[in-house]
């Protein structure tokens, strides 16, 4: 079964290709178009498809559109009620108009595709499939509970289900207008940030505050019963006045963020407690935008009833492209295989990189030992753009399109935020050799390859790696396994040999408001525009003029 998955209805348009149950490729349109999040999250942008991502996925799989057995689209118009609660009644009919014509849009965009092969998959079902079908086994079993939460699907905002013996079943859905995701989006906008993209900034800001408004927030955001929440009608202005875009948040804004974060975590624990009571399953898999909240994920891991918590690395809407494709494949009789990792995007071989670098007329060196050369530069406090292998699917830089730095220098946090054009209160994350992680980090699952959980940093290490320690003493950890990423593992080992530190700063290779670097051209433009010292691209090093030698 050859299935192309497509996400396009709300935001983060993406495509994924699944062949005989195996994930072949997955990529977000923003990496091709260089437009952050691919498009604006508006009803009248629903027609915009991930054209370049779809074409690349087919190219990667060696397929033409006529070869496809199905195309999944992660929104089901039959489930939508444009006049229902939580809908944008001025625009929802237009969104539905576009969705119903998607088969013809796709057939026009992909000549040769039979429009009758387009299959609608419910939005939250696609999210759920991206978790339960893509997760690796836990203690020899793939059975799990599944929890999905985001702003909204067709007429709901979260889903609880089970995956037992290869069968997926929905237990309950949360009807709109109650929505954990919409509450968090409203908070993001109220604090002067961009909703559908800057929610991570609110999560970081929450660590700087105290939940002083929690009692009032709980009146509008709390767990109710039967796996459902009350989440609506938050009186934002009476809590804290609206912050204009670009303004610096004050303590009261941090306290509001902390209060909403706490109430949301309590609500999640309520839903998942009910889920465990009704399933008895030892594992929960999670997806949806709420599952990108690593603070909440860690609390679920620490205080929730499940032995194991696995989160889809592309938990946002882009992940529904993969989930939809896996769902259709499974229902057609294929066995869905766990995703092999998050590195599912584009790559360039050594000869292609050499040709591109020669055409760029930059000074290039090819060290005999790339990890040793890069580790030496990092030990001298260089900033290194690390461009290796296939790009990541999802919002996290995981050692393929990363900006690396030395964690020993506290000033590197401010330095990196300045380079990336981000707010000063935002943290950066550590990557660590998997076998050393438990010495330094605790309070979250280990290994943690996808940077989706917060961990406590051991006190004796906080002064040694201050650049990656958040104000609350935590860090969002990525563990690196030699089996999964031998090159980055060697880099970490070489850096430890030089410095005694098995940790590097790892943040996204981008600047604020721009997508992650994806292609060699993107990387060279980044080197030319951002004050980084070294670009390690494939086996080659390109140094910024006047940079570290």
Protein backbone atom coordinates (compact mmCIF):
# COMPACT_ATOMS: atom_id res chain seq x y z
CA UNK A 1 0.00 0.00 0.00
CA UNK A 2 1.45 3.36 -1.06
CA UNK A 3 -0.10 6.23 0.89
CA UNK A 4 0.74 9.92 0.73
CA UNK A 5 -0.37 11.79 3.87
CA UNK A 6 -1.29 15.46 3.67
CA UNK A 7 -1.92 18.05 6.38
CA UNK A 8 -3.14 21.44 5.23
CA UNK A 9 -6.37 22.53 6.86
CA UNK A 10 -5.19 24.68 9.80
CA UNK A 11 -1.44 25.32 9.97
CA UNK A 12 1.96 23.65 9.52
CA UNK A 13 1.14 21.99 6.18
CA UNK A 14 3.19 18.84 5.64
CA UNK A 15 3.39 15.62 3.68
CA UNK A 16 4.48 12.08 4.51
CA UNK A 17 4.90 8.92 2.48
CA UNK A 18 4.16 5.46 3.90
CA UNK A 19 4.87 2.37 1.78
CA UNK A 20 3.79 -1.07 3.00
CA UNK A 21 3.45 0.34 6.52
CA UNK A 22 6.98 1.82 6.56
CA UNK A 23 7.60 5.56 6.87
CA UNK A 24 9.70 6.56 3.87
CA UNK A 25 9.71 10.35 4.12
CA UNK A 26 8.04 13.24 5.94
CA UNK A 27 8.59 16.97 5.68
CA UNK A 28 6.94 20.29 6.42
CA UNK A 29 6.22 22.77 3.65
CA UNK A 30 7.97 25.58 5.55
CA UNK A 31 11.34 23.91 4.93
CA UNK A 32 10.83 24.35 1.18
CA UNK A 33 8.92 27.64 1.00
CA UNK A 34 10.98 29.28 3.79
CA UNK A 35 7.75 30.67 5.23
CA UNK A 36 7.44 29.94 8.95
CA UNK A 37 4.65 27.44 9.66
CA UNK A 38 3.99 27.19 5.93
CA UNK A 39 1.01 29.54 5.85
CA UNK A 40 -1.18 31.72 8.04
CA UNK A 41 -3.62 29.74 10.23
CA UNK A 42 -6.73 31.30 8.69
CA UNK A 43 -9.84 29.72 7.17
CA UNK A 44 -9.22 31.35 3.80
CA UNK A 45 -5.74 29.78 3.59
CA UNK A 46 -7.20 26.25 3.77
CA UNK A 47 -6.72 25.77 0.04
CA UNK A 48 -2.92 26.10 0.34
CA UNK A 49 -1.40 22.64 0.00
CA UNK A 50 2.12 21.46 0.90
CA UNK A 51 2.98 21.29 -2.78
CA UNK A 52 6.77 21.05 -2.54
CA UNK A 53 6.69 18.66 0.43
CA UNK A 54 4.29 16.34 -1.43
CA UNK A 55 6.41 16.34 -4.57
CA UNK A 56 9.59 15.70 -2.61
CA UNK A 57 8.04 12.78 -0.71
CA UNK A 58 7.01 11.17 -3.99
CA UNK A 59 10.47 11.77 -5.44
CA UNK A 60 12.07 10.24 -2.35
CA UNK A 61 9.89 7.17 -2.75
CA UNK A 62 10.48 6.92 -6.50
CA UNK A 63 6.75 7.25 -7.16
CA UNK A 64 4.53 9.18 -9.53
CA UNK A 65 1.10 10.42 -8.42
CA UNK A 66 -0.59 7.69 -10.46
CA UNK A 67 1.30 5.08 -8.40
CA UNK A 68 -0.42 6.07 -5.16
CA UNK A 69 -3.07 3.79 -3.73
CA UNK A 70 -4.40 6.52 -1.43
CA UNK A 71 -3.87 10.08 -0.26
CA UNK A 72 -4.97 10.83 3.29
CA UNK A 73 -6.15 14.29 4.29
CA UNK A 74 -6.25 14.96 8.03
CA UNK A 75 -9.67 16.61 8.38
CA UNK A 76 -13.06 15.03 7.79
CA UNK A 77 -15.70 17.48 6.50
CA UNK A 78 -18.59 15.17 7.47
CA UNK A 79 -17.67 15.70 11.15
CA UNK A 80 -17.60 19.50 10.94
CA UNK A 81 -20.47 21.73 12.01
CA UNK A 82 -19.80 25.27 10.76
CA UNK A 83 -22.60 26.63 12.92
CA UNK A 84 -21.57 24.71 16.04
CA UNK A 85 -19.89 25.92 19.24
CA UNK A 86 -16.29 27.01 19.01
CA UNK A 87 -16.49 27.67 15.27
CA UNK A 88 -15.68 30.86 13.43
CA UNK A 89 -19.17 31.36 12.04
CA UNK A 90 -18.00 34.14 9.68
CA UNK A 91 -15.48 31.89 7.92
CA UNK A 92 -16.12 28.22 8.73
CA UNK A 93 -18.29 27.64 5.67
CA UNK A 94 -15.39 28.76 3.49
CA UNK A 95 -13.01 26.38 5.21
CA UNK A 96 -15.45 23.53 4.63
CA UNK A 97 -15.93 24.57 0.99
CA UNK A 98 -12.19 24.23 0.40
CA UNK A 99 -11.90 20.94 2.27
CA UNK A 100 -14.68 19.33 0.25
CA UNK A 101 -12.83 20.24 -2.95
CA UNK A 102 -9.46 18.96 -1.77
CA UNK A 103 -9.57 15.84 -4.01
CA UNK A 104 -9.71 18.09 -7.07
CA UNK A 105 -7.05 20.47 -5.71
CA UNK A 106 -4.74 17.51 -5.12
CA UNK A 107 -5.39 16.01 -8.55
CA UNK A 108 -4.55 19.36 -10.15
CA UNK A 109 -1.38 19.76 -8.06
CA UNK A 110 -0.26 16.16 -8.62
CA UNK A 111 -1.13 15.40 -12.27
CA UNK A 112 -2.04 11.77 -12.74
CA UNK A 113 -3.57 11.34 -9.29
CA UNK A 114 -7.04 9.82 -9.29
CA UNK A 115 -9.12 12.15 -7.03
CA UNK A 116 -11.21 9.18 -5.88
CA UNK A 117 -8.15 7.92 -3.98
CA UNK A 118 -8.25 10.85 -1.55
CA UNK A 119 -9.40 9.68 1.90
CA UNK A 120 -10.51 12.00 4.70
CA UNK A 121 -9.22 11.08 8.17
CA UNK A 122 -10.60 12.84 11.25
CA UNK A 123 -8.09 15.37 12.55
CA UNK A 124 -7.63 13.93 16.04
CA UNK A 125 -7.68 10.37 14.73
CA UNK A 126 -4.75 11.32 12.48
CA UNK A 127 -2.96 12.78 15.52
CA UNK A 128 -3.67 9.61 17.50
CA UNK A 129 -2.43 7.38 14.68
CA UNK A 130 0.81 9.38 14.53
CA UNK A 131 1.39 8.33 18.13
CA UNK A 132 0.15 4.75 18.49
CA UNK A 133 1.31 3.51 15.09
CA UNK A 134 4.67 5.32 15.09
CA UNK A 135 5.74 4.55 18.67
CA UNK A 136 8.29 1.80 19.32
CA UNK A 137 7.21 -1.18 21.45
CA UNK A 138 7.29 -0.87 25.23
CA UNK A 139 8.43 -4.02 27.02
CA UNK A 140 7.63 -6.04 23.92
CA UNK A 141 4.11 -4.69 23.41
CA UNK A 142 2.65 -1.97 21.22
CA UNK A 143 -0.57 -1.73 23.24
CA UNK A 144 -1.11 1.74 24.71
CA UNK A 145 -3.59 4.36 25.71
CA UNK A 146 -3.51 7.44 23.51
CA UNK A 147 -4.22 11.07 24.34
CA UNK A 148 -4.46 13.87 21.78
CA UNK A 149 -5.08 17.52 22.61
CA UNK A 150 -4.74 20.72 20.61
CA UNK A 151 -6.84 23.78 19.84
CA UNK A 152 -9.48 22.04 17.75
CA UNK A 153 -10.30 19.46 15.15
CA UNK A 154 -13.59 19.34 13.27
CA UNK A 155 -15.83 19.77 16.33
CA UNK A 156 -13.67 18.56 19.21
CA UNK A 157 -10.48 19.59 21.00
CA UNK A 158 -9.14 16.37 22.50
CA UNK A 159 -9.43 12.63 22.15
CA UNK A 160 -8.75 9.65 24.42
CA UNK A 161 -8.43 6.18 22.97
CA UNK A 162 -6.71 2.82 23.09
CA UNK A 163 -4.57 0.75 20.77
CA UNK A 164 -4.85 -2.91 21.79
CA UNK A 165 -3.94 -5.92 19.68
CA UNK A 166 -3.54 -3.77 16.58
CA UNK A 167 -6.98 -2.17 16.94
CA UNK A 168 -7.50 1.54 17.60
CA UNK A 169 -10.64 2.58 19.51
CA UNK A 170 -11.85 6.00 20.67
CA UNK A 171 -13.03 6.18 24.30
CA UNK A 172 -14.09 9.83 24.54
CA UNK A 173 -13.84 13.15 22.78
CA UNK A 174 -13.91 16.68 24.19
CA UNK A 175 -16.57 18.78 22.41
CA UNK A 176 -15.87 22.39 21.55
CA UNK A 177 -15.93 25.14 22.75
CA UNK A 178 -13.96 23.73 25.72
CA UNK A 179 -10.34 23.42 24.63
CA UNK A 180 -7.00 23.28 26.43
CA UNK A 181 -5.28 24.32 23.23
CA UNK A 182 -7.51 27.32 22.57
CA UNK A 183 -6.97 28.55 26.14
CA UNK A 184 -3.21 28.34 25.69
CA UNK A 185 -3.41 30.06 22.31
CA UNK A 186 -5.49 32.87 23.80
CA UNK A 187 -2.92 33.27 26.57
CA UNK A 188 -0.13 33.41 23.98
CA UNK A 189 -1.88 36.21 22.11
CA UNK A 190 -2.82 38.03 25.33
CA UNK A 191 0.85 38.15 26.31
CA UNK A 192 1.82 39.78 23.01
CA UNK A 193 3.10 36.69 21.22
CA UNK A 194 1.97 35.01 18.00
CA UNK A 195 -0.61 32.29 18.49
CA UNK A 196 -0.06 29.10 16.48
CA UNK A 197 3.70 29.33 16.96
CA UNK A 198 4.87 31.20 20.05
CA UNK A 199 3.25 29.02 22.69
CA UNK A 200 6.70 27.73 23.67
CA UNK A 201 7.60 31.26 24.75
CA UNK A 202 4.67 31.28 27.18
CA UNK A 203 5.82 27.96 28.62
CA UNK A 204 9.32 29.40 29.17
CA UNK A 205 7.88 32.58 30.69
CA UNK A 206 5.83 30.49 33.15
CA UNK A 207 9.05 29.31 34.81
CA UNK A 208 9.80 32.92 35.77
CA UNK A 209 6.51 33.33 37.64
CA UNK A 210 4.41 31.88 40.43
CA UNK A 211 0.81 30.61 40.05
CA UNK A 212 -0.61 33.50 42.08
CA UNK A 213 -3.84 33.58 40.04
CA UNK A 214 -4.46 29.84 40.11
CA UNK A 215 -7.75 29.93 42.02
CA UNK A 216 -9.30 32.35 39.54
CA UNK A 217 -7.88 30.48 36.55
CA UNK A 218 -9.29 27.17 37.86
CA UNK A 219 -12.80 28.63 37.62
CA UNK A 220 -12.38 28.54 33.83
CA UNK A 221 -9.78 25.79 33.33
CA UNK A 222 -10.08 22.52 35.24
CA UNK A 223 -10.74 18.81 34.93
CA UNK A 224 -14.41 17.88 35.18
CA UNK A 225 -15.08 14.15 34.83
CA UNK A 226 -15.28 11.24 32.39
CA UNK A 227 -12.08 12.31 30.64
CA UNK A 228 -13.31 15.83 29.88
CA UNK A 229 -12.34 19.33 30.96
CA UNK A 230 -13.90 22.73 31.45
CA UNK A 231 -11.77 25.18 29.43
CA UNK A 232 -13.43 28.34 28.18
CA UNK A 233 -14.34 31.98 28.82
CA UNK A 234 -11.12 32.97 30.60
CA UNK A 235 -11.46 36.62 31.75
CA UNK A 236 -8.01 37.62 30.54
CA UNK A 237 -8.30 41.38 30.96
CA UNK A 238 -9.45 41.09 34.56
CA UNK A 239 -6.45 38.90 35.35
CA UNK A 240 -3.71 40.95 33.64
CA UNK A 241 -3.95 43.65 31.00
CA UNK A 242 -3.14 42.67 27.42
CA UNK A 243 0.54 43.03 26.50
CA UNK A 244 1.24 44.70 23.11
CA UNK A 245 3.36 42.69 20.66
CA UNK A 246 7.06 43.25 21.24
CA UNK A 247 6.63 44.58 24.78
CA UNK A 248 8.66 43.03 27.59
CA UNK A 249 6.53 40.90 29.92
CA UNK A 250 6.52 41.83 33.60
CA UNK A 251 6.24 39.71 36.70
CA UNK A 252 2.44 39.76 36.56
CA UNK A 253 2.55 38.32 33.04
CA UNK A 254 4.88 35.55 34.17
CA UNK A 255 2.52 34.83 37.07
CA UNK A 256 -0.43 34.54 34.69
CA UNK A 257 1.54 32.16 32.48
CA UNK A 258 2.50 30.10 35.53
CA UNK A 259 -1.11 29.97 36.71
CA UNK A 260 -2.47 28.77 33.37
CA UNK A 261 0.38 26.29 32.99
CA UNK A 262 -0.38 24.83 36.43
CA UNK A 263 -4.13 24.58 35.76
CA UNK A 264 -3.49 22.92 32.40
CA UNK A 265 -1.14 20.36 33.97
CA UNK A 266 -3.76 19.57 36.63
CA UNK A 267 -6.36 19.10 33.88
CA UNK A 268 -4.09 16.74 31.97
CA UNK A 269 -3.47 14.66 35.07
CA UNK A 270 -7.22 14.44 35.60
CA UNK A 271 -7.88 13.26 32.04
CA UNK A 272 -5.03 10.75 32.12
CA UNK A 273 -6.01 9.45 35.55
CA UNK A 274 -9.45 8.67 34.15
CA UNK A 275 -7.83 7.10 31.09
CA UNK A 276 -5.75 4.75 33.23
CA UNK A 277 -8.71 3.79 35.41
CA UNK A 278 -10.68 2.85 32.32
CA UNK A 279 -7.94 1.04 30.41
CA UNK A 280 -5.41 -0.34 32.89
CA UNK A 281 -2.74 0.08 30.21
CA UNK A 282 0.83 0.72 31.33
CA UNK A 283 1.73 3.11 28.54
CA UNK A 284 0.28 6.28 27.08
CA UNK A 285 1.26 7.75 23.72
CA UNK A 286 0.56 11.41 23.06
CA UNK A 287 0.24 13.86 20.17
CA UNK A 288 -1.36 17.21 19.36
CA UNK A 289 0.04 20.66 20.05
CA UNK A 290 -0.44 20.30 23.81
CA UNK A 291 1.99 17.35 23.70
CA UNK A 292 4.77 19.77 22.70
CA UNK A 293 4.51 21.28 26.19
CA UNK A 294 7.53 19.54 27.70
CA UNK A 295 6.83 20.83 31.21
CA UNK A 296 3.40 19.20 31.17
CA UNK A 297 4.80 16.01 29.63
CA UNK A 298 7.31 15.69 32.44
CA UNK A 299 4.67 16.15 35.10
CA UNK A 300 2.57 13.46 33.42
CA UNK A 301 5.63 11.20 33.53
CA UNK A 302 6.41 11.95 37.19
CA UNK A 303 2.93 12.12 38.69
CA UNK A 304 0.71 10.29 36.23
CA UNK A 305 -0.29 6.64 36.53
CA UNK A 306 1.50 5.34 33.44
CA UNK A 307 4.83 3.52 33.50
CA UNK A 308 5.81 4.93 30.10
CA UNK A 309 4.97 8.12 28.22
CA UNK A 310 5.88 8.38 24.53
CA UNK A 311 5.30 11.61 22.60
CA UNK A 312 5.28 11.91 18.81
CA UNK A 313 8.22 14.21 17.92
CA UNK A 314 6.08 15.91 15.27
CA UNK A 315 3.22 16.28 17.76
CA UNK A 316 1.82 19.44 16.15
CA UNK A 317 -0.43 19.49 13.10
CA UNK A 318 2.40 18.59 10.73
CA UNK A 319 2.41 15.14 12.36
CA UNK A 320 -1.13 14.45 11.14
CA UNK A 321 0.29 13.97 7.65
CA UNK A 322 2.17 10.92 8.91
CA UNK A 323 -0.66 9.82 11.18
CA UNK A 324 -3.24 9.99 8.42
CA UNK A 325 -1.05 7.94 6.09
CA UNK A 326 -0.37 5.30 8.77
CA UNK A 327 -4.07 5.13 9.63
CA UNK A 328 -5.12 4.51 6.02
CA UNK A 329 -2.33 1.96 5.56
CA UNK A 330 -3.36 0.09 8.71
CA UNK A 331 -7.02 0.02 7.71
CA UNK A 332 -6.02 -1.33 4.31
CA UNK A 333 -4.29 -4.31 5.88
CA UNK A 334 -0.68 -3.14 6.18
CA UNK A 335 1.11 -3.47 9.49
CA UNK A 336 2.26 0.03 10.54
CA UNK A 337 5.90 0.02 11.59
CA UNK A 338 7.35 2.38 14.22
CA UNK A 339 8.93 5.48 12.76
CA UNK A 340 12.70 5.00 12.42
CA UNK A 341 13.47 8.41 13.95
CA UNK A 342 12.68 12.06 13.38
CA UNK A 343 15.28 12.44 10.59
CA UNK A 344 12.81 11.89 7.76
CA UNK A 345 13.52 14.94 5.57
CA UNK A 346 15.95 15.92 2.83
CA UNK A 347 19.65 15.11 2.64
CA UNK A 348 22.53 15.67 0.23
CA UNK A 349 25.40 13.30 -0.43
CA UNK A 350 29.06 14.24 -0.26
CA UNK A 351 29.49 14.89 -3.98
CA UNK A 352 26.40 17.11 -4.09
CA UNK A 353 27.66 19.12 -1.12
CA UNK A 354 31.12 19.49 -2.68
CA UNK A 355 29.60 20.83 -5.91
CA UNK A 356 27.36 23.26 -4.05
CA UNK A 357 30.20 24.57 -1.89
CA UNK A 358 32.44 24.99 -4.93
CA UNK A 359 29.72 26.96 -6.72
CA UNK A 360 29.30 29.14 -3.63
CA UNK A 361 33.00 30.09 -3.85
CA UNK A 362 33.59 29.74 -0.12
CA UNK A 363 36.77 28.59 1.57
CA UNK A 364 36.27 24.93 2.45
CA UNK A 365 38.37 22.46 4.39
CA UNK A 366 37.89 18.76 4.85
CA UNK A 367 39.42 17.69 8.17
CA UNK A 368 40.63 14.14 8.60
CA UNK A 369 38.44 13.87 11.70
CA UNK A 370 35.37 16.12 11.52
CA UNK A 371 34.04 15.48 15.06
CA UNK A 372 37.47 16.20 16.55
CA UNK A 373 37.82 19.43 14.56
CA UNK A 374 34.34 20.64 15.53
CA UNK A 375 34.87 19.67 19.17
CA UNK A 376 38.07 21.72 19.20
CA UNK A 377 36.22 24.75 17.85
CA UNK A 378 33.45 24.32 20.44
CA UNK A 379 35.99 23.99 23.25
CA UNK A 380 37.33 27.39 22.11
CA UNK A 381 33.76 28.72 22.48
CA UNK A 382 32.90 28.87 18.79
CA UNK A 383 29.28 28.75 17.63
CA UNK A 384 28.87 25.88 15.17
CA UNK A 385 26.13 25.36 12.61
CA UNK A 386 25.79 21.56 12.39
CA UNK A 387 24.24 20.33 9.12
CA UNK A 388 24.29 16.53 8.89
CA UNK A 389 22.15 13.83 7.30
CA UNK A 390 18.39 14.07 6.82
CA UNK A 391 16.55 17.05 8.27
CA UNK A 392 14.16 16.65 11.19
CA UNK A 393 10.39 16.23 10.96
CA UNK A 394 8.80 18.36 13.66
CA UNK A 395 9.85 21.53 15.48
CA UNK A 396 12.95 20.26 17.35
CA UNK A 397 16.56 20.40 16.20
CA UNK A 398 17.92 16.96 17.01
CA UNK A 399 21.48 16.98 15.73
CA UNK A 400 20.79 17.28 12.02
CA UNK A 401 20.04 20.99 11.64
CA UNK A 402 21.42 22.32 14.94
CA UNK A 403 23.25 25.35 16.29
CA UNK A 404 25.79 24.09 18.82
CA UNK A 405 27.71 25.86 21.58
CA UNK A 406 29.77 25.27 24.70
CA UNK A 407 27.50 24.93 27.77
CA UNK A 408 30.22 25.95 30.23
CA UNK A 409 29.86 29.68 29.52
CA UNK A 410 26.76 31.27 31.07
CA UNK A 411 26.97 34.16 28.60
CA UNK A 412 26.26 31.74 25.75
CA UNK A 413 22.55 31.77 26.59
CA UNK A 414 22.28 35.49 25.94
CA UNK A 415 24.67 35.16 23.00
CA UNK A 416 22.52 32.52 21.32
CA UNK A 417 19.28 34.40 21.94
CA UNK A 418 20.90 37.46 20.40
CA UNK A 419 22.05 35.46 17.36
CA UNK A 420 18.59 33.96 16.95
CA UNK A 421 16.74 37.24 17.67
CA UNK A 422 14.77 35.71 20.54
CA UNK A 423 13.54 37.01 23.88
CA UNK A 424 16.17 36.99 26.63
CA UNK A 425 14.10 34.80 28.97
CA UNK A 426 14.05 31.84 26.55
CA UNK A 427 16.27 28.86 27.45
CA UNK A 428 18.39 26.69 25.19
CA UNK A 429 18.61 22.91 25.47
CA UNK A 430 21.34 20.34 26.09
CA UNK A 431 22.24 17.29 24.05
CA UNK A 432 24.04 14.61 26.03
CA UNK A 433 25.63 11.23 25.42
CA UNK A 434 22.88 8.72 26.24
CA UNK A 435 24.99 6.62 28.61
CA UNK A 436 25.93 9.68 30.69
CA UNK A 437 22.48 11.28 30.89
CA UNK A 438 21.37 9.74 34.19
CA UNK A 439 24.41 11.21 36.00
CA UNK A 440 23.31 14.73 35.15
CA UNK A 441 19.55 14.72 34.54
CA UNK A 442 16.59 13.22 36.40
CA UNK A 443 12.84 13.58 36.81
CA UNK A 444 12.00 12.65 33.23
CA UNK A 445 12.23 9.62 30.97
CA UNK A 446 15.71 8.53 29.89
CA UNK A 447 16.69 8.01 27.17
CA UNK A 448 14.90 11.07 25.78
CA UNK A 449 15.86 11.34 22.10
CA UNK A 450 13.27 13.89 20.96
CA UNK A 451 13.68 16.77 23.44
CA UNK A 452 10.07 16.56 24.67
CA UNK A 453 10.53 16.41 28.44
CA UNK A 454 12.01 18.63 31.14
CA UNK A 455 14.58 17.11 33.49
CA UNK A 456 16.07 18.31 36.74
CA UNK A 457 19.74 19.19 36.43
CA UNK A 458 21.84 17.71 39.24
CA UNK A 459 23.09 20.47 41.55
CA UNK A 460 26.73 19.53 41.11
CA UNK A 461 26.33 20.01 37.33
CA UNK A 462 24.47 23.31 37.29
CA UNK A 463 27.63 25.37 37.61
CA UNK A 464 29.43 23.24 35.05
CA UNK A 465 26.83 23.61 32.26
CA UNK A 466 25.08 26.90 33.17
CA UNK A 467 24.12 27.84 29.61
CA UNK A 468 21.54 25.02 29.43
CA UNK A 469 20.05 25.32 32.93
CA UNK A 470 16.71 27.11 33.01
CA UNK A 471 15.78 29.49 35.81
CA UNK A 472 13.88 26.69 37.59
CA UNK A 473 16.87 24.31 37.53
CA UNK A 474 15.56 22.19 34.66
CA UNK A 475 16.64 21.51 31.09
CA UNK A 476 14.87 20.11 28.03
CA UNK A 477 17.18 17.19 27.30
CA UNK A 478 18.03 15.34 24.12
CA UNK A 479 19.93 12.11 24.58
CA UNK A 480 22.10 10.89 21.69
CA UNK A 481 22.68 7.21 21.03
CA UNK A 482 25.73 5.96 19.09
CA UNK A 483 23.49 3.44 17.35
CA UNK A 484 21.08 6.11 16.09
CA UNK A 485 23.49 8.98 15.40
CA UNK A 486 27.13 7.84 15.43
CA UNK A 487 28.50 11.13 14.09
CA UNK A 488 26.94 13.37 16.74
CA UNK A 489 27.81 10.80 19.41
CA UNK A 490 31.45 11.00 18.36
CA UNK A 491 31.29 14.79 18.49
CA UNK A 492 30.01 14.64 22.08
CA UNK A 493 32.73 12.16 23.03
CA UNK A 494 35.46 14.31 21.50
CA UNK A 495 34.09 17.38 23.27
CA UNK A 496 34.09 15.54 26.58
CA UNK A 497 37.67 14.44 25.95
CA UNK A 498 38.70 18.08 25.58
CA UNK A 499 36.53 19.67 28.29
CA UNK A 500 35.28 16.96 30.64
CA UNK A 501 31.70 17.83 29.65
CA UNK A 502 29.53 15.21 27.88
CA UNK A 503 26.99 17.94 27.05
CA UNK A 504 26.60 20.51 24.28
CA UNK A 505 24.11 23.32 23.79
CA UNK A 506 21.74 22.35 20.98
CA UNK A 507 19.25 24.83 19.59
CA UNK A 508 17.52 25.17 16.25
CA UNK A 509 19.49 26.31 13.22
CA UNK A 510 17.26 29.28 12.52
CA UNK A 511 16.43 32.80 13.63
CA UNK A 512 13.19 33.96 15.21
CA UNK A 513 10.32 33.93 12.74
CA UNK A 514 12.22 31.84 10.19
CA UNK A 515 11.98 28.10 9.53
CA UNK A 516 14.81 25.75 10.41
CA UNK A 517 17.64 25.58 7.89
CA UNK A 518 16.92 22.66 5.58
CA UNK A 519 19.06 22.83 2.43
CA UNK A 520 22.77 23.60 1.88
CA UNK A 521 21.78 26.94 0.37
CA UNK A 522 19.85 27.76 3.55
CA UNK A 523 22.94 26.83 5.59
CA UNK A 524 25.25 29.07 3.59
CA UNK A 525 22.80 31.96 3.81
CA UNK A 526 22.65 31.41 7.57
CA UNK A 527 26.44 31.47 7.82
CA UNK A 528 26.48 34.71 5.88
CA UNK A 529 23.80 36.44 7.92
CA UNK A 530 24.16 35.13 11.49
CA UNK A 531 27.32 35.58 13.61
CA UNK A 532 28.22 31.90 13.84
CA UNK A 533 31.85 30.86 13.50
CA UNK A 534 31.80 27.51 11.74
CA UNK A 535 29.50 25.55 9.45
CA UNK A 536 30.02 21.78 9.60
CA UNK A 537 28.20 20.51 6.53
CA UNK A 538 28.66 16.86 5.69
CA UNK A 539 32.42 16.13 5.93
CA UNK A 540 33.31 19.77 5.23
CA UNK A 541 34.03 22.82 7.38
CA UNK A 542 33.30 26.35 6.25
CA UNK A 543 34.58 29.04 8.59
CA UNK A 544 33.18 32.52 8.83
CA UNK A 545 35.73 35.13 7.83
CA UNK A 546 37.59 36.16 10.95
CA UNK A 547 36.04 33.22 12.88
CA UNK A 548 37.67 30.65 15.10
CA UNK A 549 40.57 28.88 13.43
